[in-house]
Structures are given as C-alpha cells and as structure tokens.
PDB file of N, CA and C in Angstrom:
ATOM      1  N   MET A   1     125.330  67.943 101.815  1.00  0.00           N
ATOM      2  CA  MET A   1     126.395  66.970 101.626  1.00  0.00           C
ATOM      3  C   MET A   1     125.823  65.569 101.807  1.00  0.00           C
ATOM      4  N   ILE A   2     126.212  64.687 100.956  1.00  0.00           N
ATOM      5  CA  ILE A   2     125.753  63.302 101.043  1.00  0.00           C
ATOM      6  C   ILE A   2     126.805  62.493 101.787  1.00  0.00           C
ATOM      7  N   GLU A   3     126.393  61.892 102.880  1.00  0.00           N
ATOM      8  CA  GLU A   3     127.292  61.095 103.711  1.00  0.00           C
ATOM      9  C   GLU A   3     127.061  59.615 103.449  1.00  0.00           C
ATOM     10  N   PRO A   4     128.118  58.788 103.541  1.00  0.00           N
ATOM     11  CA  PRO A   4     127.893  57.347 103.410  1.00  0.00           C
ATOM     12  C   PRO A   4     127.082  56.842 104.594  1.00  0.00           C
ATOM     13  N   ILE A   5     126.120  55.992 104.321  1.00  0.00           N
ATOM     14  CA  ILE A   5     125.282  55.439 105.378  1.00  0.00           C
ATOM     15  C   ILE A   5     125.717  54.021 105.724  1.00  0.00           C
ATOM     16  N   GLU A   6     125.791  53.178 104.759  1.00  0.00           N
ATOM     17  CA  GLU A   6     126.198  51.790 104.977  1.00  0.00           C
ATOM     18  C   GLU A   6     127.280  51.433 103.969  1.00  0.00           C
ATOM     19  N   LYS A   7     128.249  50.660 104.416  1.00  0.00           N
ATOM     20  CA  LYS A   7     129.296  50.186 103.514  1.00  0.00           C
ATOM     21  C   LYS A   7     129.180  48.674 103.391  1.00  0.00           C
ATOM     22  N   TYR A   8     129.144  48.225 102.170  1.00  0.00           N
ATOM     23  CA  TYR A   8     129.060  46.807 101.876  1.00  0.00           C
ATOM     24  C   TYR A   8     130.254  46.432 101.008  1.00  0.00           C
ATOM     25  N   ASP A   9     130.435  45.132 100.794  1.00  0.00           N
ATOM     26  CA  ASP A   9     131.524  44.685  99.940  1.00  0.00           C
ATOM     27  C   ASP A   9     131.377  45.229  98.529  1.00  0.00           C
ATOM     28  N   SER A  10     130.137  45.451  98.113  1.00  0.00           N
ATOM     29  CA  SER A  10     129.905  45.927  96.749  1.00  0.00           C
ATOM     30  C   SER A  10     129.888  47.448  96.645  1.00  0.00           C
ATOM     31  N   GLY A  11     130.037  48.160  97.744  1.00  0.00           N
ATOM     32  CA  GLY A  11     130.040  49.622  97.720  1.00  0.00           C
ATOM     33  C   GLY A  11     129.321  50.180  98.932  1.00  0.00           C
ATOM     34  N   SER A  12     128.928  51.452  98.845  1.00  0.00           N
ATOM     35  CA  SER A  12     128.244  52.092  99.966  1.00  0.00           C
ATOM     36  C   SER A  12     126.900  52.651  99.522  1.00  0.00           C
ATOM     37  N   ILE A  13     126.046  52.873 100.483  1.00  0.00           N
ATOM     38  CA  ILE A  13     124.740  53.462 100.226  1.00  0.00           C
ATOM     39  C   ILE A  13     124.736  54.848 100.855  1.00  0.00           C
ATOM     40  N   ARG A  14     124.323  55.840 100.085  1.00  0.00           N
ATOM     41  CA  ARG A  14     124.263  57.213 100.589  1.00  0.00           C
ATOM     42  C   ARG A  14     122.854  57.750 100.425  1.00  0.00           C
ATOM     43  N   ILE A  15     122.378  58.428 101.448  1.00  0.00           N
ATOM     44  CA  ILE A  15     121.052  59.036 101.401  1.00  0.00           C
ATOM     45  C   ILE A  15     121.225  60.541 101.482  1.00  0.00           C
ATOM     46  N   ALA A  16     120.736  61.248 100.481  1.00  0.00           N
ATOM     47  CA  ALA A  16     120.873  62.704 100.429  1.00  0.00           C
ATOM     48  C   ALA A  16     120.008  63.362 101.501  1.00  0.00           C
ATOM     49  N   ASN A  17     120.462  64.506 101.994  1.00  0.00           N
ATOM     50  CA  ASN A  17     119.691  65.268 102.975  1.00  0.00           C
ATOM     51  C   ASN A  17     118.283  65.562 102.459  1.00  0.00           C
ATOM     52  N   GLU A  18     118.175  65.850 101.165  1.00  0.00           N
ATOM     53  CA  GLU A  18     116.875  66.184 100.584  1.00  0.00           C
ATOM     54  C   GLU A  18     115.899  65.014 100.679  1.00  0.00           C
ATOM     55  N   VAL A  19     116.390  63.797 100.561  1.00  0.00           N
ATOM     56  CA  VAL A  19     115.530  62.618 100.676  1.00  0.00           C
ATOM     57  C   VAL A  19     114.951  62.536 102.088  1.00  0.00           C
ATOM     58  N   VAL A  20     115.788  62.737 103.088  1.00  0.00           N
ATOM     59  CA  VAL A  20     115.327  62.721 104.476  1.00  0.00           C
ATOM     60  C   VAL A  20     114.346  63.875 104.706  1.00  0.00           C
ATOM     61  N   SER A  21     114.610  65.030 104.095  1.00  0.00           N
ATOM     62  CA  SER A  21     113.705  66.182 104.216  1.00  0.00           C
ATOM     63  C   SER A  21     112.325  65.882 103.651  1.00  0.00           C
ATOM     64  N   ILE A  22     112.284  65.237 102.500  1.00  0.00           N
ATOM     65  CA  ILE A  22     111.002  64.897 101.878  1.00  0.00           C
ATOM     66  C   ILE A  22     110.222  63.919 102.756  1.00  0.00           C
ATOM     67  N   ILE A  23     110.886  62.895 103.255  1.00  0.00           N
ATOM     68  CA  ILE A  23     110.229  61.914 104.125  1.00  0.00           C
ATOM     69  C   ILE A  23     109.674  62.606 105.371  1.00  0.00           C
ATOM     70  N   ALA A  24     110.487  63.465 105.990  1.00  0.00           N
ATOM     71  CA  ALA A  24     110.063  64.162 107.203  1.00  0.00           C
ATOM     72  C   ALA A  24     108.898  65.109 106.925  1.00  0.00           C
ATOM     73  N   GLY A  25     108.956  65.834 105.812  1.00  0.00           N
ATOM     74  CA  GLY A  25     107.882  66.762 105.464  1.00  0.00           C
ATOM     75  C   GLY A  25     106.568  66.052 105.203  1.00  0.00           C
ATOM     76  N   LEU A  26     106.636  64.953 104.483  1.00  0.00           N
ATOM     77  CA  LEU A  26     105.426  64.167 104.226  1.00  0.00           C
ATOM     78  C   LEU A  26     104.840  63.618 105.522  1.00  0.00           C
ATOM     79  N   ALA A  27     105.696  63.087 106.376  1.00  0.00           N
ATOM     80  CA  ALA A  27     105.234  62.515 107.641  1.00  0.00           C
ATOM     81  C   ALA A  27     104.617  63.587 108.539  1.00  0.00           C
ATOM     82  N   ALA A  28     105.168  64.781 108.539  1.00  0.00           N
ATOM     83  CA  ALA A  28     104.632  65.865 109.366  1.00  0.00           C
ATOM     84  C   ALA A  28     103.252  66.287 108.885  1.00  0.00           C
ATOM     85  N   THR A  29     103.066  66.383 107.570  1.00  0.00           N
ATOM     86  CA  THR A  29     101.786  66.848 107.044  1.00  0.00           C
ATOM     87  C   THR A  29     100.688  65.786 107.126  1.00  0.00           C
ATOM     88  N   GLU A  30     101.054  64.538 107.416  1.00  0.00           N
ATOM     89  CA  GLU A  30     100.062  63.478 107.608  1.00  0.00           C
ATOM     90  C   GLU A  30      99.323  63.610 108.940  1.00  0.00           C
ATOM     91  N   VAL A  31      99.898  64.343 109.883  1.00  0.00           N
ATOM     92  CA  VAL A  31      99.329  64.447 111.224  1.00  0.00           C
ATOM     93  C   VAL A  31      98.131  65.390 111.207  1.00  0.00           C
ATOM     94  N   LYS A  32      97.022  64.943 111.808  1.00  0.00           N
ATOM     95  CA  LYS A  32      95.821  65.796 111.894  1.00  0.00           C
ATOM     96  C   LYS A  32      96.152  67.024 112.727  1.00  0.00           C
ATOM     97  N   GLY A  33      95.735  68.175 112.214  1.00  0.00           N
ATOM     98  CA  GLY A  33      95.992  69.424 112.911  1.00  0.00           C
ATOM     99  C   GLY A  33      97.111  70.231 112.296  1.00  0.00           C
ATOM    100  N   VAL A  34      97.871  69.626 111.373  1.00  0.00           N
ATOM    101  CA  VAL A  34      98.928  70.359 110.687  1.00  0.00           C
ATOM    102  C   VAL A  34      98.323  71.018 109.451  1.00  0.00           C
ATOM    103  N   ALA A  35      98.338  72.351 109.433  1.00  0.00           N
ATOM    104  CA  ALA A  35      97.782  73.100 108.302  1.00  0.00           C
ATOM    105  C   ALA A  35      98.764  73.142 107.143  1.00  0.00           C
ATOM    106  N   GLY A  36     100.051  73.132 107.436  1.00  0.00           N
ATOM    107  CA  GLY A  36     101.063  73.175 106.385  1.00  0.00           C
ATOM    108  C   GLY A  36     102.437  73.422 106.964  1.00  0.00           C
ATOM    109  N   MET A  37     103.398  73.486 106.078  1.00  0.00           N
ATOM    110  CA  MET A  37     104.776  73.732 106.469  1.00  0.00           C
ATOM    111  C   MET A  37     105.085  75.203 106.236  1.00  0.00           C
ATOM    112  N   SER A  38     106.002  75.724 107.024  1.00  0.00           N
ATOM    113  CA  SER A  38     106.360  77.133 106.930  1.00  0.00           C
ATOM    114  C   SER A  38     107.809  77.254 106.487  1.00  0.00           C
ATOM    115  N   GLY A  39     108.127  78.362 105.858  1.00  0.00           N
ATOM    116  CA  GLY A  39     109.497  78.611 105.411  1.00  0.00           C
ATOM    117  C   GLY A  39     110.470  78.797 106.552  1.00  0.00           C
ATOM    118  N   GLY A  40     109.999  78.963 107.756  1.00  0.00           N
ATOM    119  CA  GLY A  40     110.862  79.138 108.916  1.00  0.00           C
ATOM    120  C   GLY A  40     111.258  80.578 109.114  1.00  0.00           C
ATOM    121  N   VAL A  41     112.103  80.803 110.103  1.00  0.00           N
ATOM    122  CA  VAL A  41     112.491  82.162 110.445  1.00  0.00           C
ATOM    123  C   VAL A  41     113.554  82.720 109.510  1.00  0.00           C
ATOM    124  N   VAL A  42     114.171  81.886 108.717  1.00  0.00           N
ATOM    125  CA  VAL A  42     115.249  82.328 107.840  1.00  0.00           C
ATOM    126  C   VAL A  42     114.758  83.346 106.827  1.00  0.00           C
ATOM    127  N   ASP A  43     113.661  83.055 106.156  1.00  0.00           N
ATOM    128  CA  ASP A  43     113.172  83.987 105.153  1.00  0.00           C
ATOM    129  C   ASP A  43     112.185  84.993 105.721  1.00  0.00           C
ATOM    130  N   GLY A  44     111.777  84.813 106.979  1.00  0.00           N
ATOM    131  CA  GLY A  44     110.943  85.802 107.643  1.00  0.00           C
ATOM    132  C   GLY A  44     109.500  85.864 107.163  1.00  0.00           C
ATOM    133  N   ILE A  45     109.116  85.055 106.209  1.00  0.00           N
ATOM    134  CA  ILE A  45     107.754  85.079 105.687  1.00  0.00           C
ATOM    135  C   ILE A  45     107.163  83.692 105.850  1.00  0.00           C
ATOM    136  N   THR A  46     106.019  83.624 106.491  1.00  0.00           N
ATOM    137  CA  THR A  46     105.346  82.337 106.649  1.00  0.00           C
ATOM    138  C   THR A  46     104.562  82.055 105.393  1.00  0.00           C
ATOM    139  N   GLU A  47     104.859  80.900 104.797  1.00  0.00           N
ATOM    140  CA  GLU A  47     104.204  80.515 103.560  1.00  0.00           C
ATOM    141  C   GLU A  47     103.599  79.132 103.741  1.00  0.00           C
ATOM    142  N   LEU A  48     102.281  79.051 103.666  1.00  0.00           N
ATOM    143  CA  LEU A  48     101.629  77.756 103.794  1.00  0.00           C
ATOM    144  C   LEU A  48     101.742  76.992 102.490  1.00  0.00           C
ATOM    145  N   LEU A  49     102.016  75.729 102.619  1.00  0.00           N
ATOM    146  CA  LEU A  49     102.141  74.888 101.442  1.00  0.00           C
ATOM    147  C   LEU A  49     101.137  73.752 101.542  1.00  0.00           C
ATOM    148  N   LYS A  50     100.406  73.532 100.513  1.00  0.00           N
ATOM    149  CA  LYS A  50      99.420  72.451 100.482  1.00  0.00           C
ATOM    150  C   LYS A  50      99.939  71.344  99.555  1.00  0.00           C
ATOM    151  N   LYS A  51     100.789  70.484 100.086  1.00  0.00           N
ATOM    152  CA  LYS A  51     101.323  69.334  99.364  1.00  0.00           C
ATOM    153  C   LYS A  51     102.029  69.712  98.066  1.00  0.00           C
ATOM    154  N   LYS A  52     102.918  70.699  98.138  1.00  0.00           N
ATOM    155  CA  LYS A  52     103.674  71.101  96.957  1.00  0.00           C
ATOM    156  C   LYS A  52     105.152  70.773  97.144  1.00  0.00           C
ATOM    157  N   ASN A  53     105.804  71.460  98.043  1.00  0.00           N
ATOM    158  CA  ASN A  53     107.235  71.298  98.248  1.00  0.00           C
ATOM    159  C   ASN A  53     107.462  70.808  99.669  1.00  0.00           C
ATOM    160  N   PHE A  54     107.702  69.523  99.849  1.00  0.00           N
ATOM    161  CA  PHE A  54     107.792  68.957 101.184  1.00  0.00           C
ATOM    162  C   PHE A  54     109.130  69.204 101.860  1.00  0.00           C
ATOM    163  N   THR A  55     110.089  69.795 101.160  1.00  0.00           N
ATOM    164  CA  THR A  55     111.342  70.136 101.819  1.00  0.00           C
ATOM    165  C   THR A  55     111.269  71.527 102.430  1.00  0.00           C
ATOM    166  N   LYS A  56     110.255  72.306 102.074  1.00  0.00           N
ATOM    167  CA  LYS A  56     110.076  73.634 102.655  1.00  0.00           C
ATOM    168  C   LYS A  56     109.653  73.474 104.105  1.00  0.00           C
ATOM    169  N   GLY A  57     110.308  74.181 104.995  1.00  0.00           N
ATOM    170  CA  GLY A  57     109.981  74.072 106.406  1.00  0.00           C
ATOM    171  C   GLY A  57     110.650  72.898 107.095  1.00  0.00           C
ATOM    172  N   VAL A  58     111.610  72.278 106.425  1.00  0.00           N
ATOM    173  CA  VAL A  58     112.323  71.126 106.998  1.00  0.00           C
ATOM    174  C   VAL A  58     113.822  71.353 106.858  1.00  0.00           C
ATOM    175  N   LYS A  59     114.530  71.222 107.973  1.00  0.00           N
ATOM    176  CA  LYS A  59     115.997  71.260 107.967  1.00  0.00           C
ATOM    177  C   LYS A  59     116.489  69.949 108.552  1.00  0.00           C
ATOM    178  N   VAL A  60     117.444  69.332 107.890  1.00  0.00           N
ATOM    179  CA  VAL A  60     117.981  68.081 108.426  1.00  0.00           C
ATOM    180  C   VAL A  60     119.500  68.129 108.466  1.00  0.00           C
ATOM    181  N   GLU A  61     120.030  67.388 109.410  1.00  0.00           N
ATOM    182  CA  GLU A  61     121.468  67.129 109.472  1.00  0.00           C
ATOM    183  C   GLU A  61     121.611  65.617 109.480  1.00  0.00           C
ATOM    184  N   VAL A  62     122.234  65.093 108.443  1.00  0.00           N
ATOM    185  CA  VAL A  62     122.376  63.645 108.307  1.00  0.00           C
ATOM    186  C   VAL A  62     123.845  63.275 108.462  1.00  0.00           C
ATOM    187  N   GLY A  63     124.101  62.362 109.383  1.00  0.00           N
ATOM    188  CA  GLY A  63     125.446  61.829 109.558  1.00  0.00           C
ATOM    189  C   GLY A  63     125.517  60.431 108.974  1.00  0.00           C
ATOM    190  N   GLU A  64     126.503  59.678 109.388  1.00  0.00           N
ATOM    191  CA  GLU A  64     126.656  58.327 108.859  1.00  0.00           C
ATOM    192  C   GLU A  64     125.551  57.396 109.337  1.00  0.00           C
ATOM    193  N   LYS A  65     125.120  57.563 110.584  1.00  0.00           N
ATOM    194  CA  LYS A  65     124.114  56.652 111.129  1.00  0.00           C
ATOM    195  C   LYS A  65     122.962  57.369 111.824  1.00  0.00           C
ATOM    196  N   GLN A  66     123.036  58.690 111.948  1.00  0.00           N
ATOM    197  CA  GLN A  66     122.026  59.430 112.690  1.00  0.00           C
ATOM    198  C   GLN A  66     121.544  60.648 111.909  1.00  0.00           C
ATOM    199  N   ALA A  67     120.362  61.138 112.306  1.00  0.00           N
ATOM    200  CA  ALA A  67     119.813  62.344 111.696  1.00  0.00           C
ATOM    201  C   ALA A  67     119.137  63.191 112.767  1.00  0.00           C
ATOM    202  N   ALA A  68     119.232  64.502 112.599  1.00  0.00           N
ATOM    203  CA  ALA A  68     118.518  65.457 113.446  1.00  0.00           C
ATOM    204  C   ALA A  68     117.641  66.286 112.510  1.00  0.00           C
ATOM    205  N   ILE A  69     116.402  66.535 112.929  1.00  0.00           N
ATOM    206  CA  ILE A  69     115.428  67.176 112.051  1.00  0.00           C
ATOM    207  C   ILE A  69     114.786  68.365 112.757  1.00  0.00           C
ATOM    208  N   ASP A  70     114.691  69.490 112.043  1.00  0.00           N
ATOM    209  CA  ASP A  70     113.970  70.666 112.510  1.00  0.00           C
ATOM    210  C   ASP A  70     112.812  70.900 111.562  1.00  0.00           C
ATOM    211  N   LEU A  71     111.616  71.052 112.125  1.00  0.00           N
ATOM    212  CA  LEU A  71     110.414  71.277 111.328  1.00  0.00           C
ATOM    213  C   LEU A  71     109.789  72.611 111.713  1.00  0.00           C
ATOM    214  N   TYR A  72     109.285  73.325 110.715  1.00  0.00           N
ATOM    215  CA  TYR A  72     108.602  74.601 110.920  1.00  0.00           C
ATOM    216  C   TYR A  72     107.191  74.435 110.374  1.00  0.00           C
ATOM    217  N   VAL A  73     106.201  74.404 111.285  1.00  0.00           N
ATOM    218  CA  VAL A  73     104.839  74.069 110.890  1.00  0.00           C
ATOM    219  C   VAL A  73     103.834  75.131 111.319  1.00  0.00           C
ATOM    220  N   VAL A  74     102.688  75.081 110.646  1.00  0.00           N
ATOM    221  CA  VAL A  74     101.536  75.900 111.001  1.00  0.00           C
ATOM    222  C   VAL A  74     100.432  74.931 111.425  1.00  0.00           C
ATOM    223  N   ILE A  75      99.838  75.191 112.586  1.00  0.00           N
ATOM    224  CA  ILE A  75      98.829  74.305 113.162  1.00  0.00           C
ATOM    225  C   ILE A  75      97.436  74.868 112.872  1.00  0.00           C
ATOM    226  N   GLU A  76      96.481  73.980 112.646  1.00  0.00           N
ATOM    227  CA  GLU A  76      95.092  74.402 112.464  1.00  0.00           C
ATOM    228  C   GLU A  76      94.522  74.834 113.809  1.00  0.00           C
ATOM    229  N   TYR A  77      93.734  75.895 113.778  1.00  0.00           N
ATOM    230  CA  TYR A  77      93.080  76.387 114.982  1.00  0.00           C
ATOM    231  C   TYR A  77      92.181  75.295 115.567  1.00  0.00           C
ATOM    232  N   GLY A  78      92.235  75.147 116.889  1.00  0.00           N
ATOM    233  CA  GLY A  78      91.394  74.175 117.570  1.00  0.00           C
ATOM    234  C   GLY A  78      92.140  72.930 118.016  1.00  0.00           C
ATOM    235  N   TYR A  79      93.340  72.701 117.489  1.00  0.00           N
ATOM    236  CA  TYR A  79      94.128  71.540 117.890  1.00  0.00           C
ATOM    237  C   TYR A  79      95.076  71.934 119.024  1.00  0.00           C
ATOM    238  N   ARG A  80      95.235  71.052 119.990  1.00  0.00           N
ATOM    239  CA  ARG A  80      96.122  71.319 121.119  1.00  0.00           C
ATOM    240  C   ARG A  80      97.564  71.216 120.630  1.00  0.00           C
ATOM    241  N   ILE A  81      98.294  72.311 120.734  1.00  0.00           N
ATOM    242  CA  ILE A  81      99.640  72.402 120.148  1.00  0.00           C
ATOM    243  C   ILE A  81     100.612  71.367 120.721  1.00  0.00           C
ATOM    244  N   PRO A  82     100.728  71.197 122.051  1.00  0.00           N
ATOM    245  CA  PRO A  82     101.690  70.195 122.549  1.00  0.00           C
ATOM    246  C   PRO A  82     101.394  68.777 122.066  1.00  0.00           C
ATOM    247  N   ASP A  83     100.107  68.415 122.035  1.00  0.00           N
ATOM    248  CA  ASP A  83      99.733  67.071 121.577  1.00  0.00           C
ATOM    249  C   ASP A  83     100.044  66.887 120.092  1.00  0.00           C
ATOM    250  N   THR A  84      99.721  67.898 119.293  1.00  0.00           N
ATOM    251  CA  THR A  84      99.975  67.826 117.854  1.00  0.00           C
ATOM    252  C   THR A  84     101.471  67.767 117.582  1.00  0.00           C
ATOM    253  N   ALA A  85     102.249  68.578 118.294  1.00  0.00           N
ATOM    254  CA  ALA A  85     103.705  68.577 118.118  1.00  0.00           C
ATOM    255  C   ALA A  85     104.297  67.216 118.464  1.00  0.00           C
ATOM    256  N   TYR A  86     103.798  66.592 119.534  1.00  0.00           N
ATOM    257  CA  TYR A  86     104.280  65.258 119.915  1.00  0.00           C
ATOM    258  C   TYR A  86     103.963  64.231 118.827  1.00  0.00           C
ATOM    259  N   LEU A  87     102.749  64.285 118.279  1.00  0.00           N
ATOM    260  CA  LEU A  87     102.373  63.362 117.204  1.00  0.00           C
ATOM    261  C   LEU A  87     103.246  63.577 115.965  1.00  0.00           C
ATOM    262  N   ILE A  88     103.587  64.822 115.675  1.00  0.00           N
ATOM    263  CA  ILE A  88     104.492  65.119 114.556  1.00  0.00           C
ATOM    264  C   ILE A  88     105.847  64.468 114.812  1.00  0.00           C
ATOM    265  N   GLN A  89     106.379  64.668 116.013  1.00  0.00           N
ATOM    266  CA  GLN A  89     107.683  64.085 116.354  1.00  0.00           C
ATOM    267  C   GLN A  89     107.674  62.568 116.171  1.00  0.00           C
ATOM    268  N   GLU A  90     106.660  61.918 116.692  1.00  0.00           N
ATOM    269  CA  GLU A  90     106.584  60.462 116.613  1.00  0.00           C
ATOM    270  C   GLU A  90     106.432  59.975 115.173  1.00  0.00           C
ATOM    271  N   ASN A  91     105.576  60.628 114.389  1.00  0.00           N
ATOM    272  CA  ASN A  91     105.344  60.196 113.012  1.00  0.00           C
ATOM    273  C   ASN A  91     106.586  60.402 112.148  1.00  0.00           C
ATOM    274  N   VAL A  92     107.262  61.529 112.331  1.00  0.00           N
ATOM    275  CA  VAL A  92     108.472  61.818 111.555  1.00  0.00           C
ATOM    276  C   VAL A  92     109.581  60.836 111.926  1.00  0.00           C
ATOM    277  N   LYS A  93     109.784  60.623 113.216  1.00  0.00           N
ATOM    278  CA  LYS A  93     110.830  59.689 113.670  1.00  0.00           C
ATOM    279  C   LYS A  93     110.595  58.293 113.099  1.00  0.00           C
ATOM    280  N   LYS A  94     109.368  57.824 113.208  1.00  0.00           N
ATOM    281  CA  LYS A  94     109.021  56.482 112.715  1.00  0.00           C
ATOM    282  C   LYS A  94     109.251  56.378 111.198  1.00  0.00           C
ATOM    283  N   ALA A  95     108.794  57.365 110.443  1.00  0.00           N
ATOM    284  CA  ALA A  95     108.913  57.321 108.985  1.00  0.00           C
ATOM    285  C   ALA A  95     110.367  57.361 108.536  1.00  0.00           C
ATOM    286  N   VAL A  96     111.145  58.272 109.095  1.00  0.00           N
ATOM    287  CA  VAL A  96     112.546  58.405 108.680  1.00  0.00           C
ATOM    288  C   VAL A  96     113.340  57.157 109.068  1.00  0.00           C
ATOM    289  N   GLU A  97     113.148  56.666 110.272  1.00  0.00           N
ATOM    290  CA  GLU A  97     113.901  55.484 110.705  1.00  0.00           C
ATOM    291  C   GLU A  97     113.532  54.250 109.893  1.00  0.00           C
ATOM    292  N   SER A  98     112.245  54.068 109.616  1.00  0.00           N
ATOM    293  CA  SER A  98     111.847  52.862 108.891  1.00  0.00           C
ATOM    294  C   SER A  98     112.266  52.909 107.418  1.00  0.00           C
ATOM    295  N   MET A  99     112.266  54.085 106.820  1.00  0.00           N
ATOM    296  CA  MET A  99     112.597  54.172 105.392  1.00  0.00           C
ATOM    297  C   MET A  99     114.092  54.274 105.120  1.00  0.00           C
ATOM    298  N   THR A 100     114.851  54.839 106.061  1.00  0.00           N
ATOM    299  CA  THR A 100     116.279  55.070 105.787  1.00  0.00           C
ATOM    300  C   THR A 100     117.216  54.208 106.612  1.00  0.00           C
ATOM    301  N   GLY A 101     116.759  53.706 107.745  1.00  0.00           N
ATOM    302  CA  GLY A 101     117.647  52.962 108.631  1.00  0.00           C
ATOM    303  C   GLY A 101     118.471  53.866 109.520  1.00  0.00           C
ATOM    304  N   LEU A 102     118.310  55.184 109.378  1.00  0.00           N
ATOM    305  CA  LEU A 102     119.020  56.125 110.236  1.00  0.00           C
ATOM    306  C   LEU A 102     118.368  56.175 111.606  1.00  0.00           C
ATOM    307  N   GLU A 103     119.144  56.434 112.641  1.00  0.00           N
ATOM    308  CA  GLU A 103     118.598  56.686 113.971  1.00  0.00           C
ATOM    309  C   GLU A 103     118.293  58.180 114.054  1.00  0.00           C
ATOM    310  N   VAL A 104     117.052  58.517 114.329  1.00  0.00           N
ATOM    311  CA  VAL A 104     116.676  59.925 114.469  1.00  0.00           C
ATOM    312  C   VAL A 104     116.898  60.309 115.926  1.00  0.00           C
ATOM    313  N   ILE A 105     117.872  61.196 116.153  1.00  0.00           N
ATOM    314  CA  ILE A 105     118.222  61.551 117.529  1.00  0.00           C
ATOM    315  C   ILE A 105     117.362  62.688 118.070  1.00  0.00           C
ATOM    316  N   GLU A 106     116.821  63.519 117.177  1.00  0.00           N
ATOM    317  CA  GLU A 106     115.903  64.556 117.630  1.00  0.00           C
ATOM    318  C   GLU A 106     115.036  65.057 116.494  1.00  0.00           C
ATOM    319  N   VAL A 107     113.801  65.417 116.859  1.00  0.00           N
ATOM    320  CA  VAL A 107     112.868  66.056 115.939  1.00  0.00           C
ATOM    321  C   VAL A 107     112.364  67.304 116.661  1.00  0.00           C
ATOM    322  N   ASN A 108     112.830  68.457 116.236  1.00  0.00           N
ATOM    323  CA  ASN A 108     112.434  69.720 116.839  1.00  0.00           C
ATOM    324  C   ASN A 108     111.293  70.321 116.036  1.00  0.00           C
ATOM    325  N   VAL A 109     110.165  70.566 116.706  1.00  0.00           N
ATOM    326  CA  VAL A 109     108.983  71.114 116.046  1.00  0.00           C
ATOM    327  C   VAL A 109     108.850  72.577 116.452  1.00  0.00           C
ATOM    328  N   ASN A 110     108.904  73.455 115.462  1.00  0.00           N
ATOM    329  CA  ASN A 110     108.777  74.894 115.681  1.00  0.00           C
ATOM    330  C   ASN A 110     107.431  75.343 115.118  1.00  0.00           C
ATOM    331  N   ILE A 111     106.539  75.810 115.998  1.00  0.00           N
ATOM    332  CA  ILE A 111     105.220  76.261 115.573  1.00  0.00           C
ATOM    333  C   ILE A 111     105.360  77.707 115.099  1.00  0.00           C
ATOM    334  N   GLN A 112     105.072  77.922 113.821  1.00  0.00           N
ATOM    335  CA  GLN A 112     105.250  79.236 113.210  1.00  0.00           C
ATOM    336  C   GLN A 112     103.951  80.032 113.133  1.00  0.00           C
ATOM    337  N   GLY A 113     102.819  79.365 113.359  1.00  0.00           N
ATOM    338  CA  GLY A 113     101.560  80.088 113.293  1.00  0.00           C
ATOM    339  C   GLY A 113     100.374  79.166 113.468  1.00  0.00           C
ATOM    340  N   VAL A 114      99.195  79.787 113.451  1.00  0.00           N
ATOM    341  CA  VAL A 114      97.932  79.066 113.563  1.00  0.00           C
ATOM    342  C   VAL A 114      97.071  79.491 112.386  1.00  0.00           C
ATOM    343  N   GLU A 115      96.486  78.503 111.701  1.00  0.00           N
ATOM    344  CA  GLU A 115      95.611  78.803 110.565  1.00  0.00           C
ATOM    345  C   GLU A 115      94.168  78.717 111.022  1.00  0.00           C
ATOM    346  N   PHE A 116      93.417  79.766 110.689  1.00  0.00           N
ATOM    347  CA  PHE A 116      91.995  79.800 111.004  1.00  0.00           C
ATOM    348  C   PHE A 116      91.225  79.434 109.755  1.00  0.00           C
ATOM    349  N   LYS A 117      90.274  78.535 109.904  1.00  0.00           N
ATOM    350  CA  LYS A 117      89.408  78.164 108.785  1.00  0.00           C
ATOM    351  C   LYS A 117      88.365  79.253 108.606  1.00  0.00           C
ATOM    352  N   SER A 118      88.047  79.595 107.377  1.00  0.00           N
ATOM    353  CA  SER A 118      87.047  80.632 107.136  1.00  0.00           C
ATOM    354  C   SER A 118      85.688  79.987 106.898  1.00  0.00           C
ATOM    355  N   ASP A 119      85.124  79.456 107.977  1.00  0.00           N
ATOM    356  CA  ASP A 119      83.775  78.912 107.897  1.00  0.00           C
ATOM    357  C   ASP A 119      82.908  79.618 108.934  1.00  0.00           C
ATOM    358  N   GLU A 120      81.676  79.253 109.000  1.00  0.00           N
ATOM    359  CA  GLU A 120      80.751  79.986 109.857  1.00  0.00           C
ATOM    360  C   GLU A 120      81.032  79.833 111.343  1.00  0.00           C
ATOM    361  N   THR A 121      81.817  78.830 111.750  1.00  0.00           N
ATOM    362  CA  THR A 121      82.097  78.655 113.176  1.00  0.00           C
ATOM    363  C   THR A 121      83.179  79.607 113.668  1.00  0.00           C
ATOM    364  N   THR A 122      84.057  80.092 112.793  1.00  0.00           N
ATOM    365  CA  THR A 122      85.112  80.977 113.249  1.00  0.00           C
ATOM    366  C   THR A 122      84.873  82.428 112.871  1.00  0.00           C
ATOM    367  N   GLU A 123      83.930  82.684 111.959  1.00  0.00           N
ATOM    368  CA  GLU A 123      83.631  84.051 111.571  1.00  0.00           C
ATOM    369  C   GLU A 123      82.619  84.636 112.540  1.00  0.00           C
ATOM    370  N   PRO A 124      82.790  85.922 112.905  1.00  0.00           N
ATOM    371  CA  PRO A 124      81.808  86.527 113.800  1.00  0.00           C
ATOM    372  C   PRO A 124      80.451  86.664 113.111  1.00  0.00           C
ATOM    373  N   LYS A 125      79.412  86.445 113.882  1.00  0.00           N
ATOM    374  CA  LYS A 125      78.064  86.551 113.341  1.00  0.00           C
ATOM    375  C   LYS A 125      77.558  87.982 113.518  1.00  0.00           C
ATOM    376  N   VAL A 126      77.037  88.547 112.469  1.00  0.00           N
ATOM    377  CA  VAL A 126      76.532  89.927 112.502  1.00  0.00           C
ATOM    378  C   VAL A 126      75.023  89.884 112.554  1.00  0.00           C
ATOM    379  N   LYS A 127      74.429  90.638 113.495  1.00  0.00           N
ATOM    380  CA  LYS A 127      72.961  90.682 113.608  1.00  0.00           C
ATOM    381  C   LYS A 127      72.417  91.934 112.976  1.00  0.00           C
TER     382      LYS A 127
END
C-alpha cells in the first residue's frame, strides 16, 4: 500500500514500499561481509542473490512519516556477525532516511546463513 508521505499545497508525495525495499537492499549489500540477500523464512529456501533483485530478502512497513525494515541476509565466512549486522543497520537507516525523508524506527537484521568461499584457504588440504 502506498501511503502519503508529505502533503503540499500542490498535492502529496507518496513513496511505494518497493522503493524503500530497493534502497534498503542496496544499502545492505554495500556492507563488507554481506554475501547476499536471502528469501527469508517465508519460502523456506535460502537463495543468494548477486545484485539482481534487491527487494528479495527485504520486508518494509511504511507509514506516513516512519518506516520499519526487516532484512534477511547471508554473511561471508570470516566476518564477525554482530559487527556486520550493526554496520548493515546503520547503512540502511542512513540511506533510507536521506533518500526518502522517512524516519527509520527499526532495522531488524536476520542472519539466514554463512557463505564459504571456495578457495584454497577454506578447502581442506589433502596430502
């Protein structure tokens, strides 16, 4: 549902939930340590996305002046999860507030998995 955000003499400005979802998804994937977005628990299948659909793994509730955001992410192996989650929260809040003028009241980060890189440092060495 599209809610009115600002009312002016010439009309009102409305920002669709999908617009906020795209901004939040892009901001989340900018953070180092984020491997991708996940479909969440709703579909039961974790699907990594590499810059394709930024609304996947993002749920938003947009009111007239505020927004609440839920993110479902996969973290790269080796990154400290609490620190990465905090950076995601801060980057998403900053991006959504600066681009939309909405007050972001919460950014919930749900870690859905850990991605392991298939390079020689994570693969077992066979003698």
